[in-house]
C-alpha atoms as a PDB file:
ATOM      1  CA  UNK A   1      66.748 -77.771 -48.974  1.00  0.00           C
ATOM      2  CA  UNK A   2      69.040 -75.016 -50.175  1.00  0.00           C
ATOM      3  CA  UNK A   3      67.049 -72.216 -51.835  1.00  0.00           C
ATOM      4  CA  UNK A   4      69.147 -70.481 -54.489  1.00  0.00           C
ATOM      5  CA  UNK A   5      68.555 -68.606 -57.715  1.00  0.00           C
ATOM      6  CA  UNK A   6      71.021 -69.308 -60.520  1.00  0.00           C
ATOM      7  CA  UNK A   7      72.073 -66.865 -63.222  1.00  0.00           C
ATOM      8  CA  UNK A   8      71.109 -68.660 -66.466  1.00  0.00           C
ATOM      9  CA  UNK A   9      74.089 -67.054 -68.219  1.00  0.00           C
ATOM     10  CA  UNK A  10      76.519 -68.731 -65.818  1.00  0.00           C
ATOM     11  CA  UNK A  11      75.338 -72.350 -66.013  1.00  0.00           C
ATOM     12  CA  UNK A  12      75.115 -74.838 -68.852  1.00  0.00           C
ATOM     13  CA  UNK A  13      71.813 -76.683 -68.679  1.00  0.00           C
ATOM     14  CA  UNK A  14      70.927 -79.885 -70.491  1.00  0.00           C
ATOM     15  CA  UNK A  15      67.517 -81.348 -71.233  1.00  0.00           C
ATOM     16  CA  UNK A  16      66.920 -85.043 -71.940  1.00  0.00           C
ATOM     17  CA  UNK A  17      63.364 -86.064 -72.654  1.00  0.00           C
ATOM     18  CA  UNK A  18      60.791 -88.279 -74.262  1.00  0.00           C
ATOM     19  CA  UNK A  19      57.177 -87.473 -75.068  1.00  0.00           C
ATOM     20  CA  UNK A  20      55.294 -84.655 -73.336  1.00  0.00           C
ATOM     21  CA  UNK A  21      58.122 -83.981 -70.917  1.00  0.00           C
ATOM     22  CA  UNK A  22      59.895 -81.823 -73.466  1.00  0.00           C
ATOM     23  CA  UNK A  23      57.205 -79.140 -73.751  1.00  0.00           C
ATOM     24  CA  UNK A  24      56.840 -78.671 -69.984  1.00  0.00           C
ATOM     25  CA  UNK A  25      60.527 -78.510 -69.175  1.00  0.00           C
ATOM     26  CA  UNK A  26      61.511 -76.525 -72.277  1.00  0.00           C
ATOM     27  CA  UNK A  27      58.867 -73.885 -71.455  1.00  0.00           C
ATOM     28  CA  UNK A  28      59.999 -73.735 -67.822  1.00  0.00           C
ATOM     29  CA  UNK A  29      63.635 -73.280 -68.831  1.00  0.00           C
ATOM     30  CA  UNK A  30      62.845 -70.738 -71.560  1.00  0.00           C
ATOM     31  CA  UNK A  31      60.780 -68.669 -69.088  1.00  0.00           C
ATOM     32  CA  UNK A  32      63.861 -68.598 -66.854  1.00  0.00           C
ATOM     33  CA  UNK A  33      66.057 -67.352 -69.699  1.00  0.00           C
ATOM     34  CA  UNK A  34      67.841 -70.683 -70.110  1.00  0.00           C
ATOM     35  CA  UNK A  35      68.965 -71.833 -73.526  1.00  0.00           C
ATOM     36  CA  UNK A  36      69.022 -75.572 -72.762  1.00  0.00           C
ATOM     37  CA  UNK A  37      71.246 -78.003 -74.624  1.00  0.00           C
ATOM     38  CA  UNK A  38      69.418 -81.014 -76.039  1.00  0.00           C
ATOM     39  CA  UNK A  39      70.892 -84.185 -74.562  1.00  0.00           C
ATOM     40  CA  UNK A  40      70.413 -87.604 -76.144  1.00  0.00           C
ATOM     41  CA  UNK A  41      70.207 -90.619 -73.847  1.00  0.00           C
ATOM     42  CA  UNK A  42      73.213 -92.092 -75.619  1.00  0.00           C
ATOM     43  CA  UNK A  43      75.310 -88.904 -75.223  1.00  0.00           C
ATOM     44  CA  UNK A  44      78.930 -89.464 -74.279  1.00  0.00           C
ATOM     45  CA  UNK A  45      80.023 -88.900 -70.709  1.00  0.00           C
ATOM     46  CA  UNK A  46      82.183 -86.025 -71.977  1.00  0.00           C
ATOM     47  CA  UNK A  47      79.061 -84.323 -73.404  1.00  0.00           C
ATOM     48  CA  UNK A  48      77.232 -84.793 -70.106  1.00  0.00           C
ATOM     49  CA  UNK A  49      80.117 -83.640 -67.944  1.00  0.00           C
ATOM     50  CA  UNK A  50      80.274 -80.203 -69.569  1.00  0.00           C
ATOM     51  CA  UNK A  51      76.828 -79.437 -68.079  1.00  0.00           C
ATOM     52  CA  UNK A  52      76.069 -77.815 -64.733  1.00  0.00           C
ATOM     53  CA  UNK A  53      72.493 -79.108 -64.517  1.00  0.00           C
ATOM     54  CA  UNK A  54      70.575 -81.825 -66.324  1.00  0.00           C
ATOM     55  CA  UNK A  55      66.790 -81.971 -66.506  1.00  0.00           C
ATOM     56  CA  UNK A  56      65.340 -85.352 -67.423  1.00  0.00           C
ATOM     57  CA  UNK A  57      61.666 -85.683 -68.362  1.00  0.00           C
ATOM     58  CA  UNK A  58      59.503 -88.428 -69.788  1.00  0.00           C
ATOM     59  CA  UNK A  59      62.124 -91.199 -69.863  1.00  0.00           C
ATOM     60  CA  UNK A  60      61.596 -94.702 -68.508  1.00  0.00           C
ATOM     61  CA  UNK A  61      62.789 -94.960 -64.911  1.00  0.00           C
ATOM     62  CA  UNK A  62      65.735 -97.280 -65.595  1.00  0.00           C
ATOM     63  CA  UNK A  63      66.928 -95.150 -68.536  1.00  0.00           C
ATOM     64  CA  UNK A  64      66.574 -91.956 -66.491  1.00  0.00           C
ATOM     65  CA  UNK A  65      68.434 -93.514 -63.544  1.00  0.00           C
ATOM     66  CA  UNK A  66      71.373 -94.567 -65.727  1.00  0.00           C
ATOM     67  CA  UNK A  67      71.570 -91.177 -67.431  1.00  0.00           C
ATOM     68  CA  UNK A  68      71.446 -89.469 -64.027  1.00  0.00           C
ATOM     69  CA  UNK A  69      74.204 -91.727 -62.675  1.00  0.00           C
ATOM     70  CA  UNK A  70      76.444 -90.954 -65.651  1.00  0.00           C
ATOM     71  CA  UNK A  71      75.834 -87.205 -65.368  1.00  0.00           C
ATOM     72  CA  UNK A  72      76.476 -87.194 -61.606  1.00  0.00           C
ATOM     73  CA  UNK A  73      79.798 -88.971 -62.116  1.00  0.00           C
ATOM     74  CA  UNK A  74      80.963 -85.738 -63.751  1.00  0.00           C
ATOM     75  CA  UNK A  75      79.587 -83.447 -61.040  1.00  0.00           C
ATOM     76  CA  UNK A  76      76.364 -82.540 -62.848  1.00  0.00           C
ATOM     77  CA  UNK A  77      73.274 -81.906 -60.705  1.00  0.00           C
ATOM     78  CA  UNK A  78      70.225 -83.814 -61.955  1.00  0.00           C
ATOM     79  CA  UNK A  79      66.457 -83.371 -61.795  1.00  0.00           C
ATOM     80  CA  UNK A  80      64.353 -86.301 -62.995  1.00  0.00           C
ATOM     81  CA  UNK A  81      60.740 -85.220 -63.372  1.00  0.00           C
ATOM     82  CA  UNK A  82      58.311 -87.048 -61.071  1.00  0.00           C
ATOM     83  CA  UNK A  83      60.974 -89.323 -59.528  1.00  0.00           C
ATOM     84  CA  UNK A  84      62.106 -87.456 -56.381  1.00  0.00           C
ATOM     85  CA  UNK A  85      64.565 -90.128 -55.272  1.00  0.00           C
ATOM     86  CA  UNK A  86      66.555 -89.592 -58.491  1.00  0.00           C
ATOM     87  CA  UNK A  87      66.755 -85.809 -57.988  1.00  0.00           C
ATOM     88  CA  UNK A  88      69.617 -83.750 -56.627  1.00  0.00           C
ATOM     89  CA  UNK A  89      67.323 -80.725 -56.655  1.00  0.00           C
ATOM     90  CA  UNK A  90      63.617 -80.021 -57.011  1.00  0.00           C
ATOM     91  CA  UNK A  91      61.923 -77.384 -59.122  1.00  0.00           C
ATOM     92  CA  UNK A  92      59.597 -75.068 -57.218  1.00  0.00           C
ATOM     93  CA  UNK A  93      56.248 -73.837 -58.439  1.00  0.00           C
ATOM     94  CA  UNK A  94      56.966 -70.396 -59.925  1.00  0.00           C
ATOM     95  CA  UNK A  95      55.097 -67.124 -60.379  1.00  0.00           C
ATOM     96  CA  UNK A  96      56.947 -64.521 -62.486  1.00  0.00           C
ATOM     97  CA  UNK A  97      56.106 -60.855 -62.574  1.00  0.00           C
ATOM     98  CA  UNK A  98      58.886 -59.361 -64.665  1.00  0.00           C
ATOM     99  CA  UNK A  99      62.068 -59.736 -62.628  1.00  0.00           C
ATOM    100  CA  UNK A 100      60.058 -60.630 -59.515  1.00  0.00           C
ATOM    101  CA  UNK A 101      59.997 -64.385 -58.962  1.00  0.00           C
ATOM    102  CA  UNK A 102      57.883 -65.989 -56.236  1.00  0.00           C
ATOM    103  CA  UNK A 103      58.277 -69.695 -55.562  1.00  0.00           C
ATOM    104  CA  UNK A 104      56.725 -72.416 -53.464  1.00  0.00           C
ATOM    105  CA  UNK A 105      58.380 -75.745 -52.801  1.00  0.00           C
ATOM    106  CA  UNK A 106      57.738 -78.831 -50.726  1.00  0.00           C
ATOM    107  CA  UNK A 107      61.065 -80.449 -51.612  1.00  0.00           C
ATOM    108  CA  UNK A 108      59.230 -82.830 -53.909  1.00  0.00           C
ATOM    109  CA  UNK A 109      57.085 -84.203 -51.079  1.00  0.00           C
ATOM    110  CA  UNK A 110      53.727 -82.672 -52.086  1.00  0.00           C
ATOM    111  CA  UNK A 111      53.797 -81.161 -55.586  1.00  0.00           C
ATOM    112  CA  UNK A 112      50.023 -80.591 -55.464  1.00  0.00           C
ATOM    113  CA  UNK A 113      50.450 -78.258 -52.488  1.00  0.00           C
ATOM    114  CA  UNK A 114      53.203 -76.310 -54.258  1.00  0.00           C
ATOM    115  CA  UNK A 115      50.968 -75.981 -57.320  1.00  0.00           C
ATOM    116  CA  UNK A 116      48.052 -74.739 -55.180  1.00  0.00           C
ATOM    117  CA  UNK A 117      50.298 -72.202 -53.451  1.00  0.00           C
ATOM    118  CA  UNK A 118      51.462 -70.974 -56.872  1.00  0.00           C
ATOM    119  CA  UNK A 119      47.831 -70.424 -57.885  1.00  0.00           C
ATOM    120  CA  UNK A 120      47.227 -68.518 -54.646  1.00  0.00           C
ATOM    121  CA  UNK A 121      50.301 -66.327 -55.256  1.00  0.00           C
ATOM    122  CA  UNK A 122      49.238 -65.653 -58.860  1.00  0.00           C
ATOM    123  CA  UNK A 123      45.946 -64.188 -57.650  1.00  0.00           C
ATOM    124  CA  UNK A 124      47.582 -61.964 -55.044  1.00  0.00           C
ATOM    125  CA  UNK A 125      50.567 -60.789 -57.076  1.00  0.00           C
ATOM    126  CA  UNK A 126      49.278 -59.514 -60.400  1.00  0.00           C
ATOM    127  CA  UNK A 127      51.121 -57.916 -63.314  1.00  0.00           C
ATOM    128  CA  UNK A 128      51.335 -54.604 -61.423  1.00  0.00           C
ATOM    129  CA  UNK A 129      54.153 -56.133 -59.377  1.00  0.00           C
ATOM    130  CA  UNK A 130      56.563 -55.737 -62.282  1.00  0.00           C
ATOM    131  CA  UNK A 131      56.027 -51.958 -61.995  1.00  0.00           C
ATOM    132  CA  UNK A 132      56.255 -52.064 -58.182  1.00  0.00           C
ATOM    133  CA  UNK A 133      59.620 -53.800 -58.463  1.00  0.00           C
ATOM    134  CA  UNK A 134      60.887 -51.187 -60.929  1.00  0.00           C
ATOM    135  CA  UNK A 135      59.785 -48.394 -58.577  1.00  0.00           C
ATOM    136  CA  UNK A 136      61.601 -49.996 -55.643  1.00  0.00           C
ATOM    137  CA  UNK A 137      64.681 -50.749 -57.726  1.00  0.00           C
ATOM    138  CA  UNK A 138      64.968 -47.139 -58.888  1.00  0.00           C
ATOM    139  CA  UNK A 139      64.505 -45.846 -55.342  1.00  0.00           C
ATOM    140  CA  UNK A 140      67.115 -48.304 -54.015  1.00  0.00           C
ATOM    141  CA  UNK A 141      69.654 -47.215 -56.629  1.00  0.00           C
ATOM    142  CA  UNK A 142      69.143 -43.607 -55.543  1.00  0.00           C
ATOM    143  CA  UNK A 143      69.470 -44.401 -51.843  1.00  0.00           C
ATOM    144  CA  UNK A 144      72.646 -46.387 -52.446  1.00  0.00           C
ATOM    145  CA  UNK A 145      74.073 -43.613 -54.653  1.00  0.00           C
ATOM    146  CA  UNK A 146      73.400 -41.212 -51.757  1.00  0.00           C
ATOM    147  CA  UNK A 147      75.619 -43.458 -49.616  1.00  0.00           C
ATOM    148  CA  UNK A 148      72.935 -44.751 -47.274  1.00  0.00           C
ATOM    149  CA  UNK A 149      73.852 -47.785 -45.166  1.00  0.00           C
ATOM    150  CA  UNK A 150      72.241 -51.124 -46.133  1.00  0.00           C
ATOM    151  CA  UNK A 151      70.103 -51.064 -42.975  1.00  0.00           C
ATOM    152  CA  UNK A 152      68.694 -47.644 -43.941  1.00  0.00           C
ATOM    153  CA  UNK A 153      68.023 -48.819 -47.504  1.00  0.00           C
ATOM    154  CA  UNK A 154      66.158 -51.819 -46.098  1.00  0.00           C
ATOM    155  CA  UNK A 155      64.139 -49.608 -43.742  1.00  0.00           C
ATOM    156  CA  UNK A 156      63.224 -47.198 -46.557  1.00  0.00           C
ATOM    157  CA  UNK A 157      62.212 -50.115 -48.766  1.00  0.00           C
ATOM    158  CA  UNK A 158      59.917 -51.477 -46.062  1.00  0.00           C
ATOM    159  CA  UNK A 159      58.477 -47.998 -45.436  1.00  0.00           C
ATOM    160  CA  UNK A 160      57.784 -47.431 -49.154  1.00  0.00           C
ATOM    161  CA  UNK A 161      55.985 -50.788 -49.447  1.00  0.00           C
ATOM    162  CA  UNK A 162      53.857 -49.991 -46.380  1.00  0.00           C
ATOM    163  CA  UNK A 163      53.026 -46.404 -47.465  1.00  0.00           C
ATOM    164  CA  UNK A 164      51.960 -47.546 -50.923  1.00  0.00           C
ATOM    165  CA  UNK A 165      49.873 -50.366 -49.401  1.00  0.00           C
ATOM    166  CA  UNK A 166      51.231 -52.955 -51.811  1.00  0.00           C
ATOM    167  CA  UNK A 167      50.921 -55.802 -49.337  1.00  0.00           C
ATOM    168  CA  UNK A 168      47.682 -54.679 -47.664  1.00  0.00           C
END
């Protein structure tokens, strides 16, 4: 697995769906700041190939597989909900606290475990973490403006977290 975080302003994301799949995936993408393009199953290859990522949810397996094949032929990465063998990437369980994002993933092997870990993280990282992140971000900007080396900035960050007891 390659853990990365994508800037939603730099990628074009498509969403193909049927039934309940739309609500789940649309909410997930909206929470990430993604303005997904609606993709019809019968979309042209040209329409598919202008995407960076394609999320597929709620479609019959054979329809999803064909859509995924067509998208991949243009270099598009595909995620087909609940069919790991059709996925180029998996979506982790996510906890968001402002700009802080905590994730848990099993690479699609045990989604129930990822979901349980998300619940555990939600209890331990409450809404106060948005403020903690802002405090650290402001301090980091100041340290960098003072010309401190990255190693010193990292050390001061760790020290601040420990002194404030945020992870105790």
